[in-house]
């Protein structure tokens, strides 16, 4: 009972609990870690924010570029050079004009006309008239005469050329002619507008000529020209029969013009 009284009278021990907090160093470390974490979060947020406008701007630029590219009309075709156009038209006009001249020349014949008249009355006894288009062979029978006025007149149009290569006389007719007293032969004479004098280019002489033909005359005349041809009878007397002198060649277009 004494023990019981002692327990009742003695004060009972009491237990006090005190909450122990973190130390100052731990608080500083935690604060520092928190600040670092906040800084990292802010850095990430700013990085994301900076990237988003860039991406949006880049996308906007691409869209704007695409829109601008698609909406921009194609560049206009270059205008033709007026000088080139004028030159081409001029060349075409020249070509057309040349073709027209060529066509006209191809339809323009060389004409040969010889009128034989009685002398001294001037009465027309007969005429020989032929025409030759370009591309045709040329042949004409000149009636021999003692008068230069009986020369044949050959008219050559523009763009046309006449070539006279050969001449001949009929052997039998020439032999009969040479039986006449004073007969010598016949001469082929030619004149032009530049020189109207009738000049011989070939003579058949009964004593000097070995052939009744000649094939290397080489006469070429291009129009527009008028020439005269005469078969002049070489005779000692101003009377008697005559013979024909034949000339041969070709008619063609003037190569210097076409």
C-alpha atoms as a PDB file:
ATOM      1  CA  UNK A   1       0.000   0.000   0.000  1.00  0.00           C
ATOM      2  CA  UNK A   2       2.931   2.296   0.697  1.00  0.00           C
ATOM      3  CA  UNK A   3       4.134   1.612  -2.881  1.00  0.00           C
ATOM      4  CA  UNK A   4       0.759   2.395  -4.167  1.00  0.00           C
ATOM      5  CA  UNK A   5       0.633   5.576  -2.246  1.00  0.00           C
ATOM      6  CA  UNK A   6       4.033   6.511  -3.467  1.00  0.00           C
ATOM      7  CA  UNK A   7       2.922   5.947  -7.051  1.00  0.00           C
ATOM      8  CA  UNK A   8      -0.128   8.034  -6.497  1.00  0.00           C
ATOM      9  CA  UNK A   9       1.702  10.833  -4.792  1.00  0.00           C
ATOM     10  CA  UNK A  10       4.785  10.955  -6.999  1.00  0.00           C
ATOM     11  CA  UNK A  11       4.456  12.938 -10.189  1.00  0.00           C
ATOM     12  CA  UNK A  12       4.167  10.875 -13.309  1.00  0.00           C
ATOM     13  CA  UNK A  13       6.779  11.369 -15.961  1.00  0.00           C
ATOM     14  CA  UNK A  14       5.489  13.014 -19.115  1.00  0.00           C
ATOM     15  CA  UNK A  15       6.819  12.555 -22.625  1.00  0.00           C
ATOM     16  CA  UNK A  16       7.011  15.578 -24.885  1.00  0.00           C
ATOM     17  CA  UNK A  17       7.381  15.160 -28.611  1.00  0.00           C
ATOM     18  CA  UNK A  18       9.131  17.905 -30.647  1.00  0.00           C
ATOM     19  CA  UNK A  19       8.979  17.904 -34.330  1.00  0.00           C
ATOM     20  CA  UNK A  20      12.500  18.098 -35.756  1.00  0.00           C
ATOM     21  CA  UNK A  21      12.673  20.140 -39.103  1.00  0.00           C
ATOM     22  CA  UNK A  22      15.291  20.015 -41.841  1.00  0.00           C
ATOM     23  CA  UNK A  23      18.570  21.697 -41.324  1.00  0.00           C
ATOM     24  CA  UNK A  24      19.519  24.985 -42.869  1.00  0.00           C
ATOM     25  CA  UNK A  25      21.787  23.371 -45.406  1.00  0.00           C
ATOM     26  CA  UNK A  26      19.063  21.038 -46.506  1.00  0.00           C
ATOM     27  CA  UNK A  27      16.713  23.963 -46.908  1.00  0.00           C
ATOM     28  CA  UNK A  28      19.268  25.788 -49.029  1.00  0.00           C
ATOM     29  CA  UNK A  29      19.867  22.736 -51.189  1.00  0.00           C
ATOM     30  CA  UNK A  30      16.159  22.202 -51.671  1.00  0.00           C
ATOM     31  CA  UNK A  31      15.641  25.866 -52.508  1.00  0.00           C
ATOM     32  CA  UNK A  32      18.483  25.746 -54.980  1.00  0.00           C
ATOM     33  CA  UNK A  33      17.118  22.597 -56.607  1.00  0.00           C
ATOM     34  CA  UNK A  34      13.705  24.199 -56.791  1.00  0.00           C
ATOM     35  CA  UNK A  35      15.127  27.297 -58.446  1.00  0.00           C
ATOM     36  CA  UNK A  36      17.080  25.177 -60.931  1.00  0.00           C
ATOM     37  CA  UNK A  37      13.943  23.219 -61.721  1.00  0.00           C
ATOM     38  CA  UNK A  38      11.992  26.433 -62.236  1.00  0.00           C
ATOM     39  CA  UNK A  39      14.748  27.798 -64.443  1.00  0.00           C
ATOM     40  CA  UNK A  40      14.761  24.607 -66.530  1.00  0.00           C
ATOM     41  CA  UNK A  41      11.015  24.773 -66.907  1.00  0.00           C
ATOM     42  CA  UNK A  42      11.171  28.429 -67.928  1.00  0.00           C
ATOM     43  CA  UNK A  43      13.942  27.631 -70.422  1.00  0.00           C
ATOM     44  CA  UNK A  44      11.894  24.840 -71.948  1.00  0.00           C
ATOM     45  CA  UNK A  45       8.822  27.030 -72.139  1.00  0.00           C
ATOM     46  CA  UNK A  46      10.753  29.846 -73.812  1.00  0.00           C
ATOM     47  CA  UNK A  47      12.351  27.381 -76.223  1.00  0.00           C
ATOM     48  CA  UNK A  48       8.970  26.019 -77.197  1.00  0.00           C
ATOM     49  CA  UNK A  49       7.549  29.492 -77.569  1.00  0.00           C
ATOM     50  CA  UNK A  50      10.445  30.598 -79.773  1.00  0.00           C
ATOM     51  CA  UNK A  51      10.178  27.492 -81.937  1.00  0.00           C
ATOM     52  CA  UNK A  52       6.450  27.803 -82.455  1.00  0.00           C
ATOM     53  CA  UNK A  53       6.490  31.278 -84.078  1.00  0.00           C
ATOM     54  CA  UNK A  54       9.423  30.209 -86.220  1.00  0.00           C
ATOM     55  CA  UNK A  55       7.578  27.147 -87.412  1.00  0.00           C
ATOM     56  CA  UNK A  56       4.449  29.153 -87.933  1.00  0.00           C
ATOM     57  CA  UNK A  57       6.379  31.873 -89.721  1.00  0.00           C
ATOM     58  CA  UNK A  58       8.191  29.308 -91.874  1.00  0.00           C
ATOM     59  CA  UNK A  59       4.922  27.605 -92.687  1.00  0.00           C
ATOM     60  CA  UNK A  60       3.351  30.968 -93.401  1.00  0.00           C
ATOM     61  CA  UNK A  61       6.273  31.889 -95.619  1.00  0.00           C
ATOM     62  CA  UNK A  62       6.042  28.609 -97.480  1.00  0.00           C
ATOM     63  CA  UNK A  63       2.318  29.042 -97.878  1.00  0.00           C
ATOM     64  CA  UNK A  64       2.768  32.630 -98.973  1.00  0.00           C
ATOM     65  CA  UNK A  65       5.518  31.635-101.402  1.00  0.00           C
ATOM     66  CA  UNK A  66       3.405  28.828-102.768  1.00  0.00           C
ATOM     67  CA  UNK A  67       0.418  31.123-103.065  1.00  0.00           C
ATOM     68  CA  UNK A  68       2.515  33.803-104.695  1.00  0.00           C
ATOM     69  CA  UNK A  69       4.084  31.276-107.047  1.00  0.00           C
ATOM     70  CA  UNK A  70       0.758  29.766-108.002  1.00  0.00           C
ATOM     71  CA  UNK A  71      -0.920  33.142-108.397  1.00  0.00           C
ATOM     72  CA  UNK A  72       1.919  34.806-110.356  1.00  0.00           C
ATOM     73  CA  UNK A  73       1.096  34.769-114.086  1.00  0.00           C
ATOM     74  CA  UNK A  74       3.723  33.402-116.513  1.00  0.00           C
ATOM     75  CA  UNK A  75       6.020  35.984-118.080  1.00  0.00           C
ATOM     76  CA  UNK A  76       4.794  37.290-121.421  1.00  0.00           C
ATOM     77  CA  UNK A  77       6.370  35.999-124.617  1.00  0.00           C
ATOM     78  CA  UNK A  78       9.103  38.263-125.991  1.00  0.00           C
ATOM     79  CA  UNK A  79       7.911  40.623-128.666  1.00  0.00           C
ATOM     80  CA  UNK A  80       9.315  39.954-132.156  1.00  0.00           C
ATOM     81  CA  UNK A  81      12.180  42.103-133.264  1.00  0.00           C
ATOM     82  CA  UNK A  82      10.768  44.694-135.695  1.00  0.00           C
ATOM     83  CA  UNK A  83      14.012  44.716-137.667  1.00  0.00           C
ATOM     84  CA  UNK A  84      13.882  40.939-138.164  1.00  0.00           C
ATOM     85  CA  UNK A  85      10.213  41.101-139.115  1.00  0.00           C
ATOM     86  CA  UNK A  86      10.867  43.865-141.630  1.00  0.00           C
ATOM     87  CA  UNK A  87      13.816  41.969-143.114  1.00  0.00           C
ATOM     88  CA  UNK A  88      11.751  38.783-143.440  1.00  0.00           C
ATOM     89  CA  UNK A  89       8.905  40.647-145.119  1.00  0.00           C
ATOM     90  CA  UNK A  90      11.352  42.361-147.455  1.00  0.00           C
ATOM     91  CA  UNK A  91      12.928  39.021-148.377  1.00  0.00           C
ATOM     92  CA  UNK A  92       9.500  37.499-148.979  1.00  0.00           C
ATOM     93  CA  UNK A  93       8.520  40.437-151.177  1.00  0.00           C
ATOM     94  CA  UNK A  94      11.759  40.133-153.144  1.00  0.00           C
ATOM     95  CA  UNK A  95      11.217  36.401-153.539  1.00  0.00           C
ATOM     96  CA  UNK A  96       7.661  36.942-154.764  1.00  0.00           C
ATOM     97  CA  UNK A  97       8.799  39.620-157.177  1.00  0.00           C
ATOM     98  CA  UNK A  98      11.588  37.390-158.466  1.00  0.00           C
ATOM     99  CA  UNK A  99       9.169  34.504-158.993  1.00  0.00           C
ATOM    100  CA  UNK A 100       6.822  36.784-160.925  1.00  0.00           C
ATOM    101  CA  UNK A 101       9.665  38.028-163.121  1.00  0.00           C
ATOM    102  CA  UNK A 102      10.832  34.481-163.737  1.00  0.00           C
ATOM    103  CA  UNK A 103       7.322  33.393-164.697  1.00  0.00           C
ATOM    104  CA  UNK A 104       6.977  36.375-167.015  1.00  0.00           C
ATOM    105  CA  UNK A 105      10.352  35.690-168.639  1.00  0.00           C
ATOM    106  CA  UNK A 106       9.511  32.009-169.143  1.00  0.00           C
ATOM    107  CA  UNK A 107       6.486  33.111-171.193  1.00  0.00           C
ATOM    108  CA  UNK A 108       8.336  35.759-173.191  1.00  0.00           C
ATOM    109  CA  UNK A 109       9.612  34.501-176.575  1.00  0.00           C
ATOM    110  CA  UNK A 110      12.528  35.626-178.668  1.00  0.00           C
ATOM    111  CA  UNK A 111      11.159  36.843-181.997  1.00  0.00           C
ATOM    112  CA  UNK A 112      12.966  36.869-185.338  1.00  0.00           C
ATOM    113  CA  UNK A 113      11.548  38.818-188.288  1.00  0.00           C
ATOM    114  CA  UNK A 114      13.060  39.345-191.727  1.00  0.00           C
ATOM    115  CA  UNK A 115      11.303  41.359-194.416  1.00  0.00           C
ATOM    116  CA  UNK A 116      12.614  41.243-197.966  1.00  0.00           C
ATOM    117  CA  UNK A 117      11.868  44.296-200.085  1.00  0.00           C
ATOM    118  CA  UNK A 118      12.354  45.168-203.695  1.00  0.00           C
ATOM    119  CA  UNK A 119      14.970  47.774-204.361  1.00  0.00           C
ATOM    120  CA  UNK A 120      14.806  50.607-204.991  1.00  0.00           C
ATOM    121  CA  UNK A 121      10.981  50.610-204.877  1.00  0.00           C
ATOM    122  CA  UNK A 122      10.801  49.235-201.316  1.00  0.00           C
ATOM    123  CA  UNK A 123       7.979  46.891-202.219  1.00  0.00           C
ATOM    124  CA  UNK A 124       7.602  44.068-199.731  1.00  0.00           C
ATOM    125  CA  UNK A 125       8.404  40.784-201.419  1.00  0.00           C
ATOM    126  CA  UNK A 126       8.069  38.486-198.418  1.00  0.00           C
ATOM    127  CA  UNK A 127       8.926  37.969-194.770  1.00  0.00           C
ATOM    128  CA  UNK A 128      10.055  35.258-192.383  1.00  0.00           C
ATOM    129  CA  UNK A 129       8.816  35.346-188.818  1.00  0.00           C
ATOM    130  CA  UNK A 130       9.475  32.923-185.961  1.00  0.00           C
ATOM    131  CA  UNK A 131       9.289  32.994-182.144  1.00  0.00           C
ATOM    132  CA  UNK A 132      11.133  30.869-179.572  1.00  0.00           C
ATOM    133  CA  UNK A 133      10.234  30.452-175.900  1.00  0.00           C
ATOM    134  CA  UNK A 134      12.921  29.841-173.248  1.00  0.00           C
ATOM    135  CA  UNK A 135      14.045  26.244-173.367  1.00  0.00           C
ATOM    136  CA  UNK A 136      13.502  25.917-177.130  1.00  0.00           C
ATOM    137  CA  UNK A 137      16.234  25.387-179.712  1.00  0.00           C
ATOM    138  CA  UNK A 138      16.790  28.354-181.989  1.00  0.00           C
ATOM    139  CA  UNK A 139      16.985  28.029-185.769  1.00  0.00           C
ATOM    140  CA  UNK A 140      16.350  30.620-188.445  1.00  0.00           C
ATOM    141  CA  UNK A 141      16.852  30.737-192.194  1.00  0.00           C
ATOM    142  CA  UNK A 142      18.276  34.079-193.296  1.00  0.00           C
ATOM    143  CA  UNK A 143      17.582  34.912-196.901  1.00  0.00           C
ATOM    144  CA  UNK A 144      20.759  36.240-198.514  1.00  0.00           C
ATOM    145  CA  UNK A 145      20.696  39.855-199.657  1.00  0.00           C
ATOM    146  CA  UNK A 146      22.939  42.634-200.863  1.00  0.00           C
ATOM    147  CA  UNK A 147      21.044  45.264-198.823  1.00  0.00           C
ATOM    148  CA  UNK A 148      21.645  45.846-195.131  1.00  0.00           C
ATOM    149  CA  UNK A 149      18.028  46.920-194.752  1.00  0.00           C
ATOM    150  CA  UNK A 150      17.053  43.297-195.391  1.00  0.00           C
ATOM    151  CA  UNK A 151      18.651  42.177-192.106  1.00  0.00           C
ATOM    152  CA  UNK A 152      16.504  40.131-189.759  1.00  0.00           C
ATOM    153  CA  UNK A 153      15.558  41.795-186.476  1.00  0.00           C
ATOM    154  CA  UNK A 154      15.780  39.669-183.334  1.00  0.00           C
ATOM    155  CA  UNK A 155      14.081  40.950-180.186  1.00  0.00           C
ATOM    156  CA  UNK A 156      15.200  39.402-176.888  1.00  0.00           C
ATOM    157  CA  UNK A 157      12.964  40.139-173.850  1.00  0.00           C
ATOM    158  CA  UNK A 158      14.127  40.881-170.329  1.00  0.00           C
ATOM    159  CA  UNK A 159      15.348  37.835-168.416  1.00  0.00           C
ATOM    160  CA  UNK A 160      15.931  35.788-171.582  1.00  0.00           C
ATOM    161  CA  UNK A 161      19.179  34.934-173.364  1.00  0.00           C
ATOM    162  CA  UNK A 162      19.798  33.909-176.959  1.00  0.00           C
ATOM    163  CA  UNK A 163      22.799  31.793-177.877  1.00  0.00           C
ATOM    164  CA  UNK A 164      23.943  31.414-181.499  1.00  0.00           C
ATOM    165  CA  UNK A 165      26.448  28.606-181.772  1.00  0.00           C
ATOM    166  CA  UNK A 166      26.440  27.427-185.364  1.00  0.00           C
ATOM    167  CA  UNK A 167      25.716  28.446-188.952  1.00  0.00           C
ATOM    168  CA  UNK A 168      25.618  26.623-192.261  1.00  0.00           C
ATOM    169  CA  UNK A 169      24.739  26.875-195.943  1.00  0.00           C
ATOM    170  CA  UNK A 170      23.227  24.251-198.192  1.00  0.00           C
ATOM    171  CA  UNK A 171      26.001  22.750-200.289  1.00  0.00           C
ATOM    172  CA  UNK A 172      23.996  22.351-203.516  1.00  0.00           C
ATOM    173  CA  UNK A 173      22.505  25.830-203.309  1.00  0.00           C
ATOM    174  CA  UNK A 174      25.951  27.291-202.678  1.00  0.00           C
ATOM    175  CA  UNK A 175      27.479  25.427-205.631  1.00  0.00           C
ATOM    176  CA  UNK A 176      24.758  26.801-207.920  1.00  0.00           C
ATOM    177  CA  UNK A 177      25.330  30.291-206.543  1.00  0.00           C
ATOM    178  CA  UNK A 178      29.066  30.066-207.118  1.00  0.00           C
ATOM    179  CA  UNK A 179      28.461  29.275-210.801  1.00  0.00           C
ATOM    180  CA  UNK A 180      27.475  32.917-211.234  1.00  0.00           C
ATOM    181  CA  UNK A 181      30.175  35.208-212.480  1.00  0.00           C
ATOM    182  CA  UNK A 182      31.802  37.167-209.678  1.00  0.00           C
ATOM    183  CA  UNK A 183      30.274  35.072-206.880  1.00  0.00           C
ATOM    184  CA  UNK A 184      32.556  34.625-203.874  1.00  0.00           C
ATOM    185  CA  UNK A 185      30.435  33.359-200.995  1.00  0.00           C
ATOM    186  CA  UNK A 186      28.249  34.618-198.139  1.00  0.00           C
ATOM    187  CA  UNK A 187      28.954  36.343-194.801  1.00  0.00           C
ATOM    188  CA  UNK A 188      26.992  36.232-191.547  1.00  0.00           C
ATOM    189  CA  UNK A 189      26.877  39.726-190.080  1.00  0.00           C
ATOM    190  CA  UNK A 190      25.536  40.917-186.729  1.00  0.00           C
ATOM    191  CA  UNK A 191      24.820  44.279-185.104  1.00  0.00           C
ATOM    192  CA  UNK A 192      23.502  45.407-181.715  1.00  0.00           C
ATOM    193  CA  UNK A 193      22.008  48.494-180.116  1.00  0.00           C
ATOM    194  CA  UNK A 194      25.412  49.408-178.730  1.00  0.00           C
ATOM    195  CA  UNK A 195      27.058  49.017-182.161  1.00  0.00           C
ATOM    196  CA  UNK A 196      24.568  49.304-185.076  1.00  0.00           C
ATOM    197  CA  UNK A 197      27.212  48.520-187.718  1.00  0.00           C
ATOM    198  CA  UNK A 198      26.761  45.099-189.319  1.00  0.00           C
ATOM    199  CA  UNK A 199      30.052  43.243-188.806  1.00  0.00           C
ATOM    200  CA  UNK A 200      30.922  39.773-190.178  1.00  0.00           C
ATOM    201  CA  UNK A 201      31.459  36.964-187.685  1.00  0.00           C
ATOM    202  CA  UNK A 202      31.742  34.154-190.269  1.00  0.00           C
ATOM    203  CA  UNK A 203      32.293  34.045-194.020  1.00  0.00           C
ATOM    204  CA  UNK A 204      31.973  31.135-196.364  1.00  0.00           C
ATOM    205  CA  UNK A 205      34.535  31.685-199.086  1.00  0.00           C
ATOM    206  CA  UNK A 206      34.615  29.396-202.118  1.00  0.00           C
ATOM    207  CA  UNK A 207      38.410  29.441-202.193  1.00  0.00           C
ATOM    208  CA  UNK A 208      39.264  29.483-198.476  1.00  0.00           C
ATOM    209  CA  UNK A 209      36.470  27.616-196.704  1.00  0.00           C
ATOM    210  CA  UNK A 210      36.785  23.872-196.308  1.00  0.00           C
ATOM    211  CA  UNK A 211      33.372  23.303-194.740  1.00  0.00           C
ATOM    212  CA  UNK A 212      29.850  24.503-195.342  1.00  0.00           C
ATOM    213  CA  UNK A 213      29.230  24.787-191.586  1.00  0.00           C
ATOM    214  CA  UNK A 214      30.706  26.500-188.529  1.00  0.00           C
ATOM    215  CA  UNK A 215      29.991  25.373-184.960  1.00  0.00           C
ATOM    216  CA  UNK A 216      32.013  27.629-182.672  1.00  0.00           C
ATOM    217  CA  UNK A 217      30.421  31.057-183.048  1.00  0.00           C
ATOM    218  CA  UNK A 218      29.783  31.450-179.302  1.00  0.00           C
ATOM    219  CA  UNK A 219      27.414  34.436-179.561  1.00  0.00           C
ATOM    220  CA  UNK A 220      25.233  35.046-176.478  1.00  0.00           C
ATOM    221  CA  UNK A 221      22.926  38.019-176.026  1.00  0.00           C
ATOM    222  CA  UNK A 222      20.684  38.616-172.987  1.00  0.00           C
ATOM    223  CA  UNK A 223      17.669  40.877-172.999  1.00  0.00           C
ATOM    224  CA  UNK A 224      16.266  43.299-173.138  1.00  0.00           C
ATOM    225  CA  UNK A 225      18.143  43.676-176.430  1.00  0.00           C
ATOM    226  CA  UNK A 226      17.522  44.018-180.146  1.00  0.00           C
ATOM    227  CA  UNK A 227      20.064  42.607-182.582  1.00  0.00           C
ATOM    228  CA  UNK A 228      20.190  42.285-186.361  1.00  0.00           C
ATOM    229  CA  UNK A 229      21.423  39.364-188.463  1.00  0.00           C
ATOM    230  CA  UNK A 230      22.217  39.545-192.166  1.00  0.00           C
ATOM    231  CA  UNK A 231      23.287  36.943-194.715  1.00  0.00           C
ATOM    232  CA  UNK A 232      25.307  39.185-196.979  1.00  0.00           C
ATOM    233  CA  UNK A 233      25.995  37.795-200.446  1.00  0.00           C
ATOM    234  CA  UNK A 234      29.605  38.299-201.449  1.00  0.00           C
ATOM    235  CA  UNK A 235      29.321  39.027-205.208  1.00  0.00           C
ATOM    236  CA  UNK A 236      31.328  40.936-207.739  1.00  0.00           C
ATOM    237  CA  UNK A 237      28.126  42.171-209.340  1.00  0.00           C
ATOM    238  CA  UNK A 238      25.002  43.665-207.726  1.00  0.00           C
ATOM    239  CA  UNK A 239      22.674  41.125-209.254  1.00  0.00           C
ATOM    240  CA  UNK A 240      22.089  37.410-209.335  1.00  0.00           C
ATOM    241  CA  UNK A 241      20.531  34.672-207.235  1.00  0.00           C
ATOM    242  CA  UNK A 242      21.050  34.348-203.480  1.00  0.00           C
ATOM    243  CA  UNK A 243      21.208  31.498-200.991  1.00  0.00           C
ATOM    244  CA  UNK A 244      19.862  30.968-197.487  1.00  0.00           C
ATOM    245  CA  UNK A 245      22.184  31.003-194.496  1.00  0.00           C
ATOM    246  CA  UNK A 246      20.982  28.982-191.495  1.00  0.00           C
ATOM    247  CA  UNK A 247      21.766  29.923-187.906  1.00  0.00           C
ATOM    248  CA  UNK A 248      21.353  27.641-184.880  1.00  0.00           C
ATOM    249  CA  UNK A 249      21.404  28.062-181.133  1.00  0.00           C
ATOM    250  CA  UNK A 250      19.184  27.983-178.051  1.00  0.00           C
ATOM    251  CA  UNK A 251      16.963  30.199-175.929  1.00  0.00           C
ATOM    252  CA  UNK A 252      17.010  30.173-172.118  1.00  0.00           C
ATOM    253  CA  UNK A 253      16.475  32.225-168.979  1.00  0.00           C
ATOM    254  CA  UNK A 254      19.139  34.651-167.841  1.00  0.00           C
ATOM    255  CA  UNK A 255      21.037  32.823-165.097  1.00  0.00           C
ATOM    256  CA  UNK A 256      22.457  36.079-163.737  1.00  0.00           C
ATOM    257  CA  UNK A 257      18.921  37.223-162.880  1.00  0.00           C
ATOM    258  CA  UNK A 258      17.356  33.937-161.823  1.00  0.00           C
END
